[in-house]
C-alpha atoms as a PDB file:
ATOM      1  CA  UNK A   1     122.946 107.120   2.059  1.00  0.00           C
ATOM      2  CA  UNK A   2     122.365 110.050  -0.192  1.00  0.00           C
ATOM      3  CA  UNK A   3     122.046 109.519  -3.911  1.00  0.00           C
ATOM      4  CA  UNK A   4     125.238 110.114  -5.860  1.00  0.00           C
ATOM      5  CA  UNK A   5     127.420 109.860  -2.737  1.00  0.00           C
ATOM      6  CA  UNK A   6     130.305 108.349  -4.666  1.00  0.00           C
ATOM      7  CA  UNK A   7     130.292 110.939  -7.435  1.00  0.00           C
ATOM      8  CA  UNK A   8     130.073 113.936  -5.141  1.00  0.00           C
ATOM      9  CA  UNK A   9     132.860 112.596  -2.947  1.00  0.00           C
ATOM     10  CA  UNK A  10     135.362 111.500  -5.603  1.00  0.00           C
ATOM     11  CA  UNK A  11     134.853 114.585  -7.728  1.00  0.00           C
ATOM     12  CA  UNK A  12     135.022 116.975  -4.788  1.00  0.00           C
ATOM     13  CA  UNK A  13     137.933 115.805  -2.695  1.00  0.00           C
ATOM     14  CA  UNK A  14     140.474 114.934  -5.340  1.00  0.00           C
ATOM     15  CA  UNK A  15     142.073 117.608  -7.482  1.00  0.00           C
ATOM     16  CA  UNK A  16     143.044 115.048 -10.143  1.00  0.00           C
ATOM     17  CA  UNK A  17     139.429 114.357 -11.122  1.00  0.00           C
ATOM     18  CA  UNK A  18     138.192 116.282 -14.155  1.00  0.00           C
ATOM     19  CA  UNK A  19     134.414 116.060 -14.097  1.00  0.00           C
ATOM     20  CA  UNK A  20     131.872 117.106 -16.666  1.00  0.00           C
ATOM     21  CA  UNK A  21     129.424 119.371 -14.877  1.00  0.00           C
ATOM     22  CA  UNK A  22     125.619 118.987 -14.995  1.00  0.00           C
ATOM     23  CA  UNK A  23     125.868 115.511 -16.488  1.00  0.00           C
ATOM     24  CA  UNK A  24     122.532 113.682 -16.535  1.00  0.00           C
ATOM     25  CA  UNK A  25     123.144 110.088 -15.537  1.00  0.00           C
ATOM     26  CA  UNK A  26     121.615 107.145 -17.364  1.00  0.00           C
ATOM     27  CA  UNK A  27     119.564 104.601 -15.420  1.00  0.00           C
ATOM     28  CA  UNK A  28     120.261 100.872 -15.363  1.00  0.00           C
ATOM     29  CA  UNK A  29     117.623  98.446 -14.096  1.00  0.00           C
ATOM     30  CA  UNK A  30     118.406  95.170 -12.325  1.00  0.00           C
ATOM     31  CA  UNK A  31     116.730  92.493 -10.187  1.00  0.00           C
ATOM     32  CA  UNK A  32     117.547  89.337  -8.253  1.00  0.00           C
ATOM     33  CA  UNK A  33     116.441  86.909 -10.968  1.00  0.00           C
ATOM     34  CA  UNK A  34     118.874  87.735 -13.771  1.00  0.00           C
ATOM     35  CA  UNK A  35     122.376  89.105 -14.251  1.00  0.00           C
ATOM     36  CA  UNK A  36     122.613  92.436 -16.040  1.00  0.00           C
ATOM     37  CA  UNK A  37     125.890  92.556 -17.975  1.00  0.00           C
ATOM     38  CA  UNK A  38     127.839  95.813 -18.398  1.00  0.00           C
ATOM     39  CA  UNK A  39     130.620  95.822 -21.006  1.00  0.00           C
ATOM     40  CA  UNK A  40     132.968  98.782 -20.563  1.00  0.00           C
ATOM     41  CA  UNK A  41     135.355 100.214 -23.182  1.00  0.00           C
ATOM     42  CA  UNK A  42     138.301  99.763 -20.776  1.00  0.00           C
ATOM     43  CA  UNK A  43     139.070  97.084 -18.168  1.00  0.00           C
ATOM     44  CA  UNK A  44     137.435  97.675 -14.786  1.00  0.00           C
ATOM     45  CA  UNK A  45     139.751  98.565 -11.919  1.00  0.00           C
ATOM     46  CA  UNK A  46     137.168  99.524  -9.350  1.00  0.00           C
ATOM     47  CA  UNK A  47     133.382  99.319  -9.106  1.00  0.00           C
ATOM     48  CA  UNK A  48     131.068  99.937  -6.186  1.00  0.00           C
ATOM     49  CA  UNK A  49     127.404 100.641  -5.443  1.00  0.00           C
ATOM     50  CA  UNK A  50     125.930 103.095  -2.972  1.00  0.00           C
ATOM     51  CA  UNK A  51     123.523 100.640  -1.344  1.00  0.00           C
ATOM     52  CA  UNK A  52     123.744  97.077  -0.089  1.00  0.00           C
ATOM     53  CA  UNK A  53     120.643  95.969  -2.022  1.00  0.00           C
ATOM     54  CA  UNK A  54     122.722  96.264  -5.216  1.00  0.00           C
ATOM     55  CA  UNK A  55     125.667  93.979  -5.989  1.00  0.00           C
ATOM     56  CA  UNK A  56     128.206  94.743  -8.707  1.00  0.00           C
ATOM     57  CA  UNK A  57     130.750  91.991  -9.361  1.00  0.00           C
ATOM     58  CA  UNK A  58     133.821  91.978 -11.583  1.00  0.00           C
ATOM     59  CA  UNK A  59     137.184  90.249 -11.742  1.00  0.00           C
ATOM     60  CA  UNK A  60     139.298  91.825  -9.005  1.00  0.00           C
ATOM     61  CA  UNK A  61     142.437  89.839  -9.767  1.00  0.00           C
ATOM     62  CA  UNK A  62     142.619  90.312 -13.529  1.00  0.00           C
ATOM     63  CA  UNK A  63     141.227  93.466 -15.073  1.00  0.00           C
ATOM     64  CA  UNK A  64     138.355  92.577 -17.420  1.00  0.00           C
ATOM     65  CA  UNK A  65     135.811  94.574 -19.402  1.00  0.00           C
ATOM     66  CA  UNK A  66     132.734  92.817 -17.974  1.00  0.00           C
ATOM     67  CA  UNK A  67     130.797  93.625 -14.795  1.00  0.00           C
ATOM     68  CA  UNK A  68     127.581  92.007 -13.545  1.00  0.00           C
ATOM     69  CA  UNK A  69     124.815  93.820 -11.671  1.00  0.00           C
ATOM     70  CA  UNK A  70     122.083  92.330  -9.496  1.00  0.00           C
ATOM     71  CA  UNK A  71     119.569  93.975  -7.165  1.00  0.00           C
ATOM     72  CA  UNK A  72     117.124  93.289  -4.363  1.00  0.00           C
ATOM     73  CA  UNK A  73     113.936  95.323  -3.882  1.00  0.00           C
ATOM     74  CA  UNK A  74     114.677  98.701  -2.319  1.00  0.00           C
ATOM     75  CA  UNK A  75     115.368 102.359  -3.009  1.00  0.00           C
ATOM     76  CA  UNK A  76     117.352 103.462  -6.034  1.00  0.00           C
ATOM     77  CA  UNK A  77     121.097 104.014  -5.687  1.00  0.00           C
ATOM     78  CA  UNK A  78     124.126 104.670  -7.875  1.00  0.00           C
ATOM     79  CA  UNK A  79     126.981 102.734  -9.433  1.00  0.00           C
ATOM     80  CA  UNK A  80     130.487 104.143  -9.761  1.00  0.00           C
ATOM     81  CA  UNK A  81     133.028 102.408 -12.017  1.00  0.00           C
ATOM     82  CA  UNK A  82     136.648 103.432 -12.582  1.00  0.00           C
ATOM     83  CA  UNK A  83     138.641 101.865 -15.410  1.00  0.00           C
ATOM     84  CA  UNK A  84     142.325 100.944 -15.432  1.00  0.00           C
ATOM     85  CA  UNK A  85     142.988 104.199 -17.326  1.00  0.00           C
ATOM     86  CA  UNK A  86     141.164 106.318 -14.764  1.00  0.00           C
ATOM     87  CA  UNK A  87     137.944 106.839 -16.730  1.00  0.00           C
ATOM     88  CA  UNK A  88     134.955 107.418 -14.437  1.00  0.00           C
ATOM     89  CA  UNK A  89     131.512 106.027 -15.299  1.00  0.00           C
ATOM     90  CA  UNK A  90     128.448 106.593 -13.147  1.00  0.00           C
ATOM     91  CA  UNK A  91     124.829 105.428 -13.350  1.00  0.00           C
ATOM     92  CA  UNK A  92     121.605 105.575 -11.412  1.00  0.00           C
ATOM     93  CA  UNK A  93     120.567 102.001 -10.597  1.00  0.00           C
ATOM     94  CA  UNK A  94     117.032 100.868  -9.801  1.00  0.00           C
ATOM     95  CA  UNK A  95     115.274  97.614  -8.979  1.00  0.00           C
ATOM     96  CA  UNK A  96     112.680  96.424 -11.481  1.00  0.00           C
ATOM     97  CA  UNK A  97     110.816  93.153 -11.961  1.00  0.00           C
ATOM     98  CA  UNK A  98     110.904  93.720 -15.715  1.00  0.00           C
ATOM     99  CA  UNK A  99     114.285  94.457 -17.289  1.00  0.00           C
ATOM    100  CA  UNK A 100     114.340  96.536 -20.495  1.00  0.00           C
ATOM    101  CA  UNK A 101     117.758  95.102 -21.424  1.00  0.00           C
ATOM    102  CA  UNK A 102     120.149  92.481 -20.071  1.00  0.00           C
ATOM    103  CA  UNK A 103     123.310  93.693 -21.830  1.00  0.00           C
ATOM    104  CA  UNK A 104     124.725  97.221 -21.792  1.00  0.00           C
ATOM    105  CA  UNK A 105     127.582  98.030 -24.164  1.00  0.00           C
ATOM    106  CA  UNK A 106     129.073 101.222 -22.762  1.00  0.00           C
ATOM    107  CA  UNK A 107     131.024 103.530 -25.048  1.00  0.00           C
ATOM    108  CA  UNK A 108     133.930 105.820 -24.159  1.00  0.00           C
ATOM    109  CA  UNK A 109     131.816 108.968 -24.519  1.00  0.00           C
ATOM    110  CA  UNK A 110     129.709 107.875 -21.523  1.00  0.00           C
ATOM    111  CA  UNK A 111     132.482 108.642 -19.051  1.00  0.00           C
ATOM    112  CA  UNK A 112     131.746 111.608 -16.770  1.00  0.00           C
ATOM    113  CA  UNK A 113     135.393 112.451 -16.128  1.00  0.00           C
ATOM    114  CA  UNK A 114     138.839 111.066 -15.425  1.00  0.00           C
ATOM    115  CA  UNK A 115     140.751 110.828 -12.169  1.00  0.00           C
ATOM    116  CA  UNK A 116     144.049 111.428 -13.991  1.00  0.00           C
ATOM    117  CA  UNK A 117     144.223 114.743 -15.878  1.00  0.00           C
ATOM    118  CA  UNK A 118     146.606 113.288 -18.476  1.00  0.00           C
ATOM    119  CA  UNK A 119     144.297 110.506 -19.557  1.00  0.00           C
ATOM    120  CA  UNK A 120     141.626 112.535 -21.343  1.00  0.00           C
ATOM    121  CA  UNK A 121     144.002 113.698 -24.061  1.00  0.00           C
ATOM    122  CA  UNK A 122     146.523 110.900 -24.052  1.00  0.00           C
ATOM    123  CA  UNK A 123     146.402 107.446 -25.600  1.00  0.00           C
ATOM    124  CA  UNK A 124     149.509 106.249 -23.788  1.00  0.00           C
ATOM    125  CA  UNK A 125     149.248 103.661 -21.041  1.00  0.00           C
ATOM    126  CA  UNK A 126     149.823 105.159 -17.598  1.00  0.00           C
ATOM    127  CA  UNK A 127     152.761 103.408 -15.927  1.00  0.00           C
ATOM    128  CA  UNK A 128     151.735 101.362 -12.901  1.00  0.00           C
ATOM    129  CA  UNK A 129     154.200 103.177 -10.677  1.00  0.00           C
ATOM    130  CA  UNK A 130     152.110 106.325 -11.154  1.00  0.00           C
ATOM    131  CA  UNK A 131     148.801 104.522 -10.634  1.00  0.00           C
ATOM    132  CA  UNK A 132     146.263 106.647  -8.786  1.00  0.00           C
ATOM    133  CA  UNK A 133     145.283 103.588  -6.730  1.00  0.00           C
ATOM    134  CA  UNK A 134     148.696 103.718  -5.066  1.00  0.00           C
ATOM    135  CA  UNK A 135     148.443 107.286  -3.853  1.00  0.00           C
ATOM    136  CA  UNK A 136     147.572 108.425  -0.356  1.00  0.00           C
ATOM    137  CA  UNK A 137     144.734 110.505  -1.822  1.00  0.00           C
ATOM    138  CA  UNK A 138     143.067 107.414  -3.243  1.00  0.00           C
ATOM    139  CA  UNK A 139     143.414 105.455   0.005  1.00  0.00           C
ATOM    140  CA  UNK A 140     141.971 108.331   2.018  1.00  0.00           C
ATOM    141  CA  UNK A 141     139.184 108.818  -0.499  1.00  0.00           C
ATOM    142  CA  UNK A 142     138.148 105.183  -0.335  1.00  0.00           C
ATOM    143  CA  UNK A 143     138.428 105.231   3.465  1.00  0.00           C
ATOM    144  CA  UNK A 144     136.126 108.259   3.618  1.00  0.00           C
ATOM    145  CA  UNK A 145     133.512 106.334   1.645  1.00  0.00           C
ATOM    146  CA  UNK A 146     133.844 103.154   3.714  1.00  0.00           C
ATOM    147  CA  UNK A 147     133.667 104.954   7.040  1.00  0.00           C
ATOM    148  CA  UNK A 148     130.239 106.390   6.165  1.00  0.00           C
ATOM    149  CA  UNK A 149     128.804 103.174   4.760  1.00  0.00           C
ATOM    150  CA  UNK A 150     126.700 100.645   6.638  1.00  0.00           C
ATOM    151  CA  UNK A 151     128.532  97.349   7.013  1.00  0.00           C
ATOM    152  CA  UNK A 152     127.596  93.790   7.764  1.00  0.00           C
ATOM    153  CA  UNK A 153     130.005  91.094   8.816  1.00  0.00           C
ATOM    154  CA  UNK A 154     129.896  88.166  11.222  1.00  0.00           C
ATOM    155  CA  UNK A 155     130.233  89.043  14.906  1.00  0.00           C
ATOM    156  CA  UNK A 156     133.865  90.039  15.251  1.00  0.00           C
ATOM    157  CA  UNK A 157     133.854  91.875  18.543  1.00  0.00           C
ATOM    158  CA  UNK A 158     135.266  91.899  22.058  1.00  0.00           C
ATOM    159  CA  UNK A 159     133.859  93.722  25.068  1.00  0.00           C
ATOM    160  CA  UNK A 160     135.004  94.760  28.518  1.00  0.00           C
ATOM    161  CA  UNK A 161     133.367  97.096  31.065  1.00  0.00           C
ATOM    162  CA  UNK A 162     131.155  98.795  28.485  1.00  0.00           C
ATOM    163  CA  UNK A 163     133.884  99.216  25.857  1.00  0.00           C
ATOM    164  CA  UNK A 164     133.496  97.184  22.658  1.00  0.00           C
ATOM    165  CA  UNK A 165     136.082  96.682  19.908  1.00  0.00           C
ATOM    166  CA  UNK A 166     134.686  95.315  16.651  1.00  0.00           C
ATOM    167  CA  UNK A 167     135.566  94.847  12.996  1.00  0.00           C
ATOM    168  CA  UNK A 168     132.659  96.041  10.889  1.00  0.00           C
ATOM    169  CA  UNK A 169     134.078  94.954   7.538  1.00  0.00           C
ATOM    170  CA  UNK A 170     137.193  93.815   5.681  1.00  0.00           C
ATOM    171  CA  UNK A 171     137.253  95.109   2.109  1.00  0.00           C
ATOM    172  CA  UNK A 172     139.662  94.174  -0.659  1.00  0.00           C
ATOM    173  CA  UNK A 173     140.434  96.777  -3.306  1.00  0.00           C
ATOM    174  CA  UNK A 174     143.069  95.932  -5.910  1.00  0.00           C
ATOM    175  CA  UNK A 175     146.217  95.541  -3.788  1.00  0.00           C
ATOM    176  CA  UNK A 176     145.011  96.602  -0.350  1.00  0.00           C
ATOM    177  CA  UNK A 177     142.880  95.304   2.524  1.00  0.00           C
ATOM    178  CA  UNK A 178     140.750  97.848   4.384  1.00  0.00           C
ATOM    179  CA  UNK A 179     139.823  96.962   7.980  1.00  0.00           C
ATOM    180  CA  UNK A 180     136.777  98.964   9.103  1.00  0.00           C
ATOM    181  CA  UNK A 181     137.152  99.106  12.904  1.00  0.00           C
ATOM    182  CA  UNK A 182     134.726 100.464  15.470  1.00  0.00           C
ATOM    183  CA  UNK A 183     135.087 101.296  19.170  1.00  0.00           C
ATOM    184  CA  UNK A 184     131.905 101.744  21.216  1.00  0.00           C
ATOM    185  CA  UNK A 185     132.204 103.344  24.628  1.00  0.00           C
ATOM    186  CA  UNK A 186     128.935 102.646  26.407  1.00  0.00           C
ATOM    187  CA  UNK A 187     130.466 103.279  29.822  1.00  0.00           C
ATOM    188  CA  UNK A 188     130.183 106.434  31.904  1.00  0.00           C
ATOM    189  CA  UNK A 189     133.926 107.164  31.640  1.00  0.00           C
ATOM    190  CA  UNK A 190     135.846 108.553  28.675  1.00  0.00           C
ATOM    191  CA  UNK A 191     138.236 106.116  26.998  1.00  0.00           C
ATOM    192  CA  UNK A 192     141.712 107.509  26.302  1.00  0.00           C
ATOM    193  CA  UNK A 193     143.331 105.420  23.610  1.00  0.00           C
ATOM    194  CA  UNK A 194     146.959 104.508  24.177  1.00  0.00           C
ATOM    195  CA  UNK A 195     147.359 102.358  21.073  1.00  0.00           C
ATOM    196  CA  UNK A 196     145.524 100.054  18.693  1.00  0.00           C
ATOM    197  CA  UNK A 197     148.066  97.595  17.346  1.00  0.00           C
ATOM    198  CA  UNK A 198     147.760  94.740  14.879  1.00  0.00           C
ATOM    199  CA  UNK A 199     149.798  91.564  14.681  1.00  0.00           C
ATOM    200  CA  UNK A 200     149.815  88.091  13.139  1.00  0.00           C
ATOM    201  CA  UNK A 201     149.945  85.207  15.592  1.00  0.00           C
ATOM    202  CA  UNK A 202     151.431  81.826  14.730  1.00  0.00           C
ATOM    203  CA  UNK A 203     151.144  78.692  16.818  1.00  0.00           C
ATOM    204  CA  UNK A 204     154.567  77.456  17.908  1.00  0.00           C
ATOM    205  CA  UNK A 205     155.502  73.849  17.301  1.00  0.00           C
ATOM    206  CA  UNK A 206     155.729  71.550  20.300  1.00  0.00           C
ATOM    207  CA  UNK A 207     153.616  69.941  22.982  1.00  0.00           C
ATOM    208  CA  UNK A 208     152.865  73.156  24.821  1.00  0.00           C
ATOM    209  CA  UNK A 209     150.303  75.401  23.196  1.00  0.00           C
ATOM    210  CA  UNK A 210     151.773  78.869  22.701  1.00  0.00           C
ATOM    211  CA  UNK A 211     151.605  81.654  20.137  1.00  0.00           C
ATOM    212  CA  UNK A 212     154.312  83.734  18.511  1.00  0.00           C
ATOM    213  CA  UNK A 213     153.217  87.259  17.660  1.00  0.00           C
ATOM    214  CA  UNK A 214     154.667  89.338  14.814  1.00  0.00           C
ATOM    215  CA  UNK A 215     153.655  93.018  14.385  1.00  0.00           C
ATOM    216  CA  UNK A 216     151.605  93.846  11.285  1.00  0.00           C
ATOM    217  CA  UNK A 217     151.907  97.519  10.423  1.00  0.00           C
ATOM    218  CA  UNK A 218     149.218  99.192   8.277  1.00  0.00           C
ATOM    219  CA  UNK A 219     150.248 101.502   5.468  1.00  0.00           C
ATOM    220  CA  UNK A 220     147.588 103.977   6.630  1.00  0.00           C
ATOM    221  CA  UNK A 221     145.660 104.602   9.847  1.00  0.00           C
ATOM    222  CA  UNK A 222     142.575 106.636   8.968  1.00  0.00           C
ATOM    223  CA  UNK A 223     140.503 108.561  11.525  1.00  0.00           C
ATOM    224  CA  UNK A 224     142.263 106.999  14.518  1.00  0.00           C
ATOM    225  CA  UNK A 225     140.992 108.842  17.637  1.00  0.00           C
ATOM    226  CA  UNK A 226     142.862 109.720  20.809  1.00  0.00           C
ATOM    227  CA  UNK A 227     139.720 109.740  22.956  1.00  0.00           C
ATOM    228  CA  UNK A 228     136.295 108.105  22.815  1.00  0.00           C
ATOM    229  CA  UNK A 229     133.984 110.014  25.083  1.00  0.00           C
ATOM    230  CA  UNK A 230     131.416 108.288  27.276  1.00  0.00           C
ATOM    231  CA  UNK A 231     128.419 106.968  25.302  1.00  0.00           C
ATOM    232  CA  UNK A 232     130.241 107.714  22.038  1.00  0.00           C
ATOM    233  CA  UNK A 233     131.195 105.559  19.044  1.00  0.00           C
ATOM    234  CA  UNK A 234     134.251 106.051  16.856  1.00  0.00           C
ATOM    235  CA  UNK A 235     134.983 104.347  13.537  1.00  0.00           C
ATOM    236  CA  UNK A 236     138.425 104.116  11.924  1.00  0.00           C
ATOM    237  CA  UNK A 237     140.129 102.244   9.085  1.00  0.00           C
ATOM    238  CA  UNK A 238     143.453 100.442   8.900  1.00  0.00           C
ATOM    239  CA  UNK A 239     144.787  99.912   5.385  1.00  0.00           C
ATOM    240  CA  UNK A 240     147.170  97.019   4.738  1.00  0.00           C
ATOM    241  CA  UNK A 241     148.990  95.829   1.666  1.00  0.00           C
ATOM    242  CA  UNK A 242     147.213  92.700   0.446  1.00  0.00           C
ATOM    243  CA  UNK A 243     148.092  89.604   2.463  1.00  0.00           C
ATOM    244  CA  UNK A 244     146.694  86.206   3.384  1.00  0.00           C
ATOM    245  CA  UNK A 245     147.301  83.820   6.278  1.00  0.00           C
ATOM    246  CA  UNK A 246     147.135  80.074   6.832  1.00  0.00           C
ATOM    247  CA  UNK A 247     144.382  78.436   8.947  1.00  0.00           C
ATOM    248  CA  UNK A 248     146.939  78.115  11.755  1.00  0.00           C
ATOM    249  CA  UNK A 249     147.397  81.861  12.044  1.00  0.00           C
ATOM    250  CA  UNK A 250     145.313  84.693  13.439  1.00  0.00           C
ATOM    251  CA  UNK A 251     145.285  88.450  13.048  1.00  0.00           C
ATOM    252  CA  UNK A 252     145.027  90.133  16.441  1.00  0.00           C
ATOM    253  CA  UNK A 253     143.872  93.668  17.195  1.00  0.00           C
ATOM    254  CA  UNK A 254     145.071  94.909  20.579  1.00  0.00           C
ATOM    255  CA  UNK A 255     143.316  97.925  22.079  1.00  0.00           C
ATOM    256  CA  UNK A 256     145.092  99.527  25.028  1.00  0.00           C
ATOM    257  CA  UNK A 257     143.760 102.240  27.342  1.00  0.00           C
ATOM    258  CA  UNK A 258     146.029 105.051  28.487  1.00  0.00           C
ATOM    259  CA  UNK A 259     146.191 105.194  32.280  1.00  0.00           C
ATOM    260  CA  UNK A 260     143.553 102.465  32.510  1.00  0.00           C
ATOM    261  CA  UNK A 261     142.985  98.723  32.405  1.00  0.00           C
ATOM    262  CA  UNK A 262     140.156  98.354  29.898  1.00  0.00           C
ATOM    263  CA  UNK A 263     142.343  96.515  27.396  1.00  0.00           C
ATOM    264  CA  UNK A 264     141.030  94.254  24.652  1.00  0.00           C
ATOM    265  CA  UNK A 265     142.382  91.680  22.203  1.00  0.00           C
ATOM    266  CA  UNK A 266     140.248  90.785  19.206  1.00  0.00           C
ATOM    267  CA  UNK A 267     141.323  87.726  17.212  1.00  0.00           C
ATOM    268  CA  UNK A 268     140.384  87.373  13.536  1.00  0.00           C
ATOM    269  CA  UNK A 269     140.446  83.968  11.848  1.00  0.00           C
ATOM    270  CA  UNK A 270     142.009  83.360   8.444  1.00  0.00           C
ATOM    271  CA  UNK A 271     138.624  82.886   6.741  1.00  0.00           C
ATOM    272  CA  UNK A 272     137.831  86.583   7.188  1.00  0.00           C
ATOM    273  CA  UNK A 273     141.271  87.701   5.979  1.00  0.00           C
ATOM    274  CA  UNK A 274     141.371  85.402   2.950  1.00  0.00           C
ATOM    275  CA  UNK A 275     137.762  86.053   1.897  1.00  0.00           C
ATOM    276  CA  UNK A 276     137.232  89.821   2.193  1.00  0.00           C
ATOM    277  CA  UNK A 277     134.330  91.739   0.722  1.00  0.00           C
END
């Protein structure tokens, strides 16, 4: 992944972002032996790194000022943090055995821009109903990042006649769940997609084992193809409002081929839904 992927994407695709041009980014060093603490001037709403050998953790349920950074040996990357007021902070992050400092107290003047044009010159709290995280632009922006990122999750896949349906990742961001879905067509025939539906299955009470299925509609289907050509792979994202399920329920993805019989059902246990990345 190219350096500064997050910055170039968020500042380029969204007209609400007001970026300071030619900003030289500070570097933060981290390793796998100690936590590096970052204290921001505003509560953290979103934080993400550009490489899997860096981990940035913060309270996703209650907005707090503190974030913790750890790293494994590997190439340098970048960290993008967005506050609850839309302030954007970005840093180069590198692995180092020796850490020059364990605590970083970040001031307001370190922001490189703001995703909401009103926030730079306003001290008023932005009402939640106008929150940028609720807009289609934000969802599509985050989807665009996720769809180009390498993912690792337990083997959640189903295969038939050279066609494989898999879930590459389930990511939680504020109030939404992002399902990163992949279809691999390793057959010699094109795959025409009829539909890819999602539902929640509940075991019915009684002696006979049976399941009741209720449709689960995403709020956004991103990059959903109509055709997967032979020997081609397509990746898409379904965005859902945050939800959880009991251990007795399953989320099912049903892939159906138009004018064909290569149909798949992929079942996802509650542990993956209730413990997203």
